[in-house]
Amino acid sequence: MAQIAKASKATGKKVAYQKKVEDKGKKVVNWIFAALIALALLFVVYSVFIVS
């Protein structure tokens, strides 16, 4: 019985860890997209000033 409880506890920890890692991964991806969008906007502004 103790082994079942131990396995259940380990599974719960694993699921919690996977959720935490997934949330961190999503946050990193969102930051990368935000940085790319900001760089694209800066490039557009730069291009407008170079052309005019």
Protein backbone atom coordinates (compact mmCIF):
# COMPACT_ATOMS: atom_id res chain seq x y z
CA MET A 1 0.00 0.00 0.00
CA ALA A 2 2.85 2.38 0.77
CA GLN A 3 4.30 1.86 -2.69
CA ILE A 4 1.01 2.83 -4.31
CA ALA A 5 0.85 6.03 -2.26
CA LYS A 6 4.49 6.78 -3.08
CA ALA A 7 3.88 6.21 -6.80
CA SER A 8 0.78 8.39 -6.70
CA LYS A 9 2.71 11.16 -4.97
CA ALA A 10 5.52 10.92 -7.53
CA THR A 11 3.00 11.05 -10.38
CA GLY A 12 1.39 14.14 -8.87
CA LYS A 13 4.76 15.84 -8.57
CA LYS A 14 5.60 14.91 -12.15
CA VAL A 15 2.33 16.35 -13.45
CA ALA A 16 2.84 19.55 -11.45
CA TYR A 17 6.40 19.86 -12.75
CA GLN A 18 5.27 19.33 -16.35
CA LYS A 19 2.61 22.03 -15.95
CA LYS A 20 5.16 24.43 -14.47
CA VAL A 21 7.61 23.79 -17.31
CA GLU A 22 4.86 24.19 -19.90
CA ASP A 23 3.81 27.53 -18.40
CA LYS A 24 7.41 28.77 -18.40
CA GLY A 25 7.82 27.62 -22.01
CA LYS A 26 4.70 29.50 -23.09
CA LYS A 27 5.96 32.61 -21.33
CA VAL A 28 9.31 32.38 -23.15
CA VAL A 29 7.60 31.93 -26.52
CA ASN A 30 5.38 34.95 -25.85
CA TRP A 31 8.43 37.07 -24.98
CA ILE A 32 10.18 35.95 -28.17
CA PHE A 33 7.16 36.89 -30.31
CA ALA A 34 6.88 40.25 -28.53
CA ALA A 35 10.56 40.96 -29.20
CA LEU A 36 10.18 40.04 -32.87
CA ILE A 37 7.16 42.32 -33.24
CA ALA A 38 9.03 45.18 -31.53
CA LEU A 39 12.01 44.68 -33.83
CA ALA A 40 9.71 44.63 -36.86
CA LEU A 41 8.13 47.92 -35.79
CA LEU A 42 11.56 49.48 -35.25
CA PHE A 43 12.59 48.31 -38.71
CA VAL A 44 9.47 49.86 -40.25
CA VAL A 45 10.18 53.18 -38.54
CA TYR A 46 13.83 53.02 -39.62
CA SER A 47 12.82 52.23 -43.20
CA VAL A 48 10.37 55.13 -43.33
CA PHE A 49 13.05 57.59 -42.19
CA ILE A 50 15.63 56.21 -44.64
CA VAL A 51 13.24 56.45 -47.62
CA SER A 52 12.02 59.97 -46.84
